[in-house]
Protein backbone atom coordinates (compact mmCIF):
# COMPACT_ATOMS: atom_id res chain seq x y z
CA MET A 1 -30.80 2.86 -12.75
CA ASN A 2 -33.34 2.96 -10.30
CA ILE A 3 -31.08 -0.48 -8.57
CA ILE A 4 -28.36 2.33 -9.20
CA MET A 5 -29.57 4.81 -7.19
CA ALA A 6 -31.05 3.02 -4.48
CA THR A 7 -27.66 1.07 -3.80
CA LEU A 8 -25.23 3.76 -4.14
CA PRO A 9 -25.52 5.16 -0.65
CA ILE A 10 -24.83 1.77 0.38
CA LEU A 11 -21.97 0.90 -2.02
CA PHE A 12 -20.71 4.50 -0.54
CA LYS A 13 -20.33 3.07 3.00
CA GLY A 14 -18.16 0.21 1.74
CA LEU A 15 -16.33 2.52 -0.40
CA GLN A 16 -15.77 4.43 3.07
CA VAL A 17 -14.30 1.33 4.90
CA THR A 18 -12.01 0.85 1.65
CA LEU A 19 -10.74 3.51 1.88
CA TYR A 20 -10.20 3.82 5.55
CA ILE A 21 -8.45 0.46 5.03
CA PHE A 22 -6.09 1.71 2.62
CA VAL A 23 -4.94 4.92 3.81
CA ILE A 24 -3.72 3.80 6.89
CA ALA A 25 -2.32 0.71 5.27
CA ILE A 26 -0.19 2.93 2.58
CA ILE A 27 1.13 5.21 5.11
CA LEU A 28 2.12 2.18 7.69
CA GLY A 29 3.82 -0.23 4.26
CA PHE A 30 5.31 2.74 3.41
CA LEU A 31 7.29 3.40 7.03
CA ILE A 32 8.06 0.02 6.74
CA GLY A 33 9.27 0.43 3.23
CA LEU A 34 11.02 2.90 4.08
CA VAL A 35 13.10 1.19 7.71
CA LEU A 36 14.08 -2.01 5.84
CA ALA A 37 15.11 -0.26 2.57
CA LEU A 38 17.65 1.65 4.74
CA LEU A 39 18.54 -1.92 6.57
CA ARG A 40 18.79 -3.47 2.97
CA LEU A 41 21.12 -0.84 2.90
CA ALA A 42 22.66 -1.17 6.20
CA PRO A 43 26.60 -2.37 6.52
CA ILE A 44 25.77 -4.73 8.61
CA LYS A 45 24.85 -8.07 7.26
CA ILE A 46 22.63 -9.32 10.21
CA LEU A 47 19.93 -5.98 9.62
CA ASN A 48 20.41 -6.60 5.59
CA TRP A 49 19.81 -10.53 6.16
CA ILE A 50 16.68 -9.64 8.53
CA ALA A 51 15.18 -7.01 5.54
CA LYS A 52 15.78 -9.71 2.75
CA VAL A 53 13.82 -12.41 4.43
CA TYR A 54 11.08 -10.19 5.04
CA VAL A 55 11.04 -9.17 1.32
CA ASN A 56 11.45 -12.30 0.02
CA ALA A 57 8.68 -13.97 1.96
CA ILE A 58 5.68 -11.57 1.48
CA ARG A 59 7.09 -11.03 -2.16
CA GLY A 60 7.60 -14.96 -2.67
CA THR A 61 3.94 -15.79 -1.52
CA PRO A 62 -0.14 -14.94 -2.17
CA PHE A 63 -2.05 -12.06 -0.57
CA ILE A 64 -4.47 -13.58 -0.02
CA VAL A 65 -2.54 -16.54 2.07
CA GLN A 66 -0.98 -13.58 4.14
CA LEU A 67 -4.44 -12.39 4.74
CA PHE A 68 -5.12 -16.02 6.23
CA PHE A 69 -2.13 -16.38 8.43
CA ILE A 70 -2.92 -13.21 10.02
CA TYR A 71 -6.52 -13.26 10.93
CA PHE A 72 -7.17 -17.15 10.98
CA GLY A 73 -3.79 -17.98 11.81
CA ILE A 74 -2.54 -15.82 14.17
CA ASN A 75 -5.74 -15.75 16.30
CA SER A 76 -5.78 -19.20 16.47
CA LEU A 77 -2.94 -19.02 18.53
CA HIS A 78 -5.22 -16.94 20.96
CA LEU A 79 -2.36 -14.67 21.72
CA ILE A 80 -3.98 -11.70 20.41
CA SER A 81 -7.30 -11.48 18.93
CA LEU A 82 -7.41 -9.34 15.67
CA ASN A 83 -10.56 -8.00 14.78
CA ASN A 84 -11.18 -7.83 10.53
CA SER A 85 -10.43 -4.91 10.26
CA THR A 86 -7.29 -4.64 12.25
CA ALA A 87 -6.53 -7.54 10.21
CA GLY A 88 -7.08 -6.48 6.99
CA ILE A 89 -5.18 -3.42 7.16
CA ILE A 90 -1.65 -5.25 8.71
CA THR A 91 -1.74 -7.67 5.99
CA VAL A 92 -2.33 -4.68 3.12
CA ALA A 93 0.66 -2.62 5.08
CA ILE A 94 2.97 -5.68 5.44
CA ASN A 95 2.29 -6.76 1.62
CA ALA A 96 2.84 -3.33 0.29
CA GLY A 97 5.76 -2.74 3.06
CA ALA A 98 7.67 -5.41 0.59
CA TYR A 99 7.70 -3.64 -2.32
CA PHE A 100 8.17 -0.44 -1.05
CA THR A 101 10.93 -1.40 0.40
CA GLU A 102 12.54 -2.48 -3.45
CA ILE A 103 11.10 0.71 -5.11
CA ILE A 104 12.95 3.25 -2.12
CA ARG A 105 16.17 1.03 -2.04
CA ALA A 106 16.21 1.43 -6.10
CA GLY A 107 14.99 5.05 -5.72
CA ILE A 108 18.22 5.13 -3.03
CA GLN A 109 21.25 3.34 -4.89
CA SER A 110 19.90 5.51 -8.31
CA ILE A 111 21.50 9.32 -7.00
CA ASP A 112 24.94 9.87 -7.63
CA LYS A 113 27.11 8.52 -4.55
CA GLY A 114 29.10 11.94 -5.34
CA GLN A 115 26.36 13.56 -3.82
CA THR A 116 26.91 12.23 -0.65
CA GLU A 117 30.76 12.72 -0.70
CA ALA A 118 29.60 16.35 -1.16
CA ALA A 119 27.34 16.29 1.88
CA ARG A 120 29.97 14.74 3.95
CA SER A 121 32.39 17.15 2.61
CA ILE A 122 30.41 19.99 4.42
CA GLY A 123 29.80 18.03 7.39
CA PHE A 124 26.50 16.66 7.05
CA THR A 125 26.55 13.22 9.07
CA ALA A 126 25.08 9.89 7.16
CA ALA A 127 21.44 10.64 8.62
CA GLN A 128 21.50 14.20 7.34
CA THR A 129 22.68 13.16 4.36
CA MET A 130 20.07 10.48 3.88
CA ARG A 131 17.14 13.29 4.89
CA PHE A 132 17.97 16.52 3.39
CA ILE A 133 20.01 15.53 0.22
CA ILE A 134 19.39 11.32 -0.71
CA LEU A 135 15.57 10.93 -0.13
CA PRO A 136 14.34 13.90 -1.75
CA GLN A 137 15.79 13.52 -4.83
CA ALA A 138 14.95 9.84 -4.50
CA PHE A 139 11.03 10.63 -3.77
CA ARG A 140 10.99 12.51 -7.16
CA ARG A 141 12.06 9.15 -8.86
CA MET A 142 10.36 6.54 -6.97
CA LEU A 143 7.20 8.77 -7.01
CA PRO A 144 5.49 7.20 -11.00
CA THR A 145 6.08 3.17 -9.01
CA ILE A 146 4.81 4.37 -5.58
CA THR A 147 1.86 5.57 -7.43
CA ASN A 148 1.49 2.01 -9.08
CA GLN A 149 1.84 0.59 -6.05
CA SER A 150 -0.35 1.65 -4.07
CA ILE A 151 -2.98 1.15 -6.71
CA ILE A 152 -2.27 -2.34 -7.06
CA SER A 153 -2.72 -2.33 -2.53
CA LEU A 154 -6.24 -0.69 -3.28
CA LYS A 155 -7.44 -3.40 -6.09
CA ASP A 156 -6.26 -5.98 -3.32
CA THR A 157 -8.53 -4.60 -0.53
CA SER A 158 -11.49 -6.36 -2.69
CA LEU A 159 -9.91 -9.36 -1.31
CA LEU A 160 -10.41 -8.38 2.31
CA SER A 161 -14.45 -9.38 2.27
CA ILE A 162 -13.24 -13.14 2.31
CA ILE A 163 -12.59 -12.67 5.94
CA GLY A 164 -16.13 -10.52 6.26
CA ILE A 165 -15.22 -6.81 6.06
CA ALA A 166 -17.57 -4.58 4.34
CA ASP A 167 -15.91 -3.14 2.10
CA LEU A 168 -16.95 -1.97 -1.02
CA THR A 169 -16.34 -5.65 -2.31
CA GLN A 170 -18.81 -7.30 -0.07
CA GLN A 171 -21.59 -4.77 -0.14
CA GLY A 172 -21.86 -5.32 -3.76
CA GLN A 173 -22.25 -8.54 -3.10
CA ILE A 174 -24.86 -8.58 -0.60
CA GLN A 175 -26.82 -6.36 -2.86
CA ALA A 176 -26.06 -8.59 -6.15
CA ALA A 177 -27.56 -11.03 -4.16
CA ALA A 178 -30.51 -9.27 -2.64
CA THR A 179 -31.15 -7.65 -5.88
CA PHE A 180 -30.38 -10.02 -8.56
CA GLU A 181 -29.66 -7.37 -10.64
CA VAL A 182 -26.10 -8.82 -10.41
CA PHE A 183 -24.30 -7.00 -13.75
CA THR A 184 -25.63 -3.90 -13.16
CA ILE A 185 -24.27 -4.06 -9.59
CA TRP A 186 -20.88 -5.48 -9.99
CA LEU A 187 -20.55 -3.04 -13.27
CA THR A 188 -21.23 0.10 -10.58
CA VAL A 189 -18.36 -1.16 -8.52
CA GLY A 190 -16.32 -1.21 -11.03
CA VAL A 191 -17.23 1.81 -12.40
CA ILE A 192 -16.71 3.47 -8.67
CA TYR A 193 -13.61 1.15 -8.06
CA PHE A 194 -11.79 3.32 -11.67
CA ILE A 195 -12.83 6.86 -10.77
CA ILE A 196 -10.82 6.24 -7.74
CA ILE A 197 -7.90 5.19 -9.17
CA TYR A 198 -7.93 7.35 -11.61
CA LEU A 199 -8.17 10.23 -9.35
CA ILE A 200 -5.71 8.55 -7.63
CA THR A 201 -3.44 8.97 -10.37
CA ILE A 202 -3.96 12.34 -11.11
CA LEU A 203 -3.35 13.69 -7.91
CA ALA A 204 -0.11 11.72 -8.18
CA ASN A 205 0.91 12.91 -11.44
CA PHE A 206 -0.18 16.80 -9.97
CA VAL A 207 2.14 16.30 -7.13
CA GLU A 208 4.89 14.91 -9.39
CA LYS A 209 4.54 17.97 -11.55
CA ARG A 210 4.47 20.20 -8.73
CA ILE A 211 7.96 18.57 -7.61
CA GLN A 212 9.52 18.66 -10.74
CA LEU A 213 9.44 22.29 -10.68
CA ARG A 214 11.39 23.14 -7.60
C-alpha cells in the first residue's frame, strides 16, 4: 500500500499526459472522419477514391508502424521537426480518423433517403439537409460505436511510451524499474486505465439516454 501511495502522484502526472493527448487526438480524429465520410459519399469519384485510399491504408497497417513512420520517418526527412507529443497526437488522430470515417459513413447511410427528399422539398440545401436533418439522427445511431472506437484509441495511447512520451504507461515502466514492485505498479496502472475507460462508458451512456429523450 505504501508503494501505491508513493507512486500515485507520479502515475497521475502520466495520466494527465495520456488524457491530454487522447482528448485532442479524438477531436481531430472525429473531424477527419467527418470530412472523409462526406468525401466517401461524394459523387465526385476522385474525392471518393482519396478518402477510400486513406481509410484502407490506415486500417491496413499496424498502429505502431504508423507511429514510427510519423515520428522517425517524417523527422528523418528534415523538412519538419515533430516532437514526440505532436507525433503521438497526429498518429492517434489519423488512426482514429480512418475508423471514424467508416462509422460516420455507415451512420449517414442508415438514415432513410426519404428524409433527404422531404428536406429538399421544403427548400433545404444539401448542406442544410446534412447538418440539420441527417447528421443529428446519424449521430444518435453512431454514438455507441464512436464510444467503442474512442476507447480503443485511448488504449492505443499506451504505445506512445515507445517514443518517449511520459504518459501513464511510461511512468508505470519507470516506477516499476525504480521500485522493483512490478506486480503492484502494473496492477495500479491497469486499474487506472480501467477506471478512466469505465467513466467514459458511463458518460457515453448518459449522453445517449439524454439524446434519445429529445
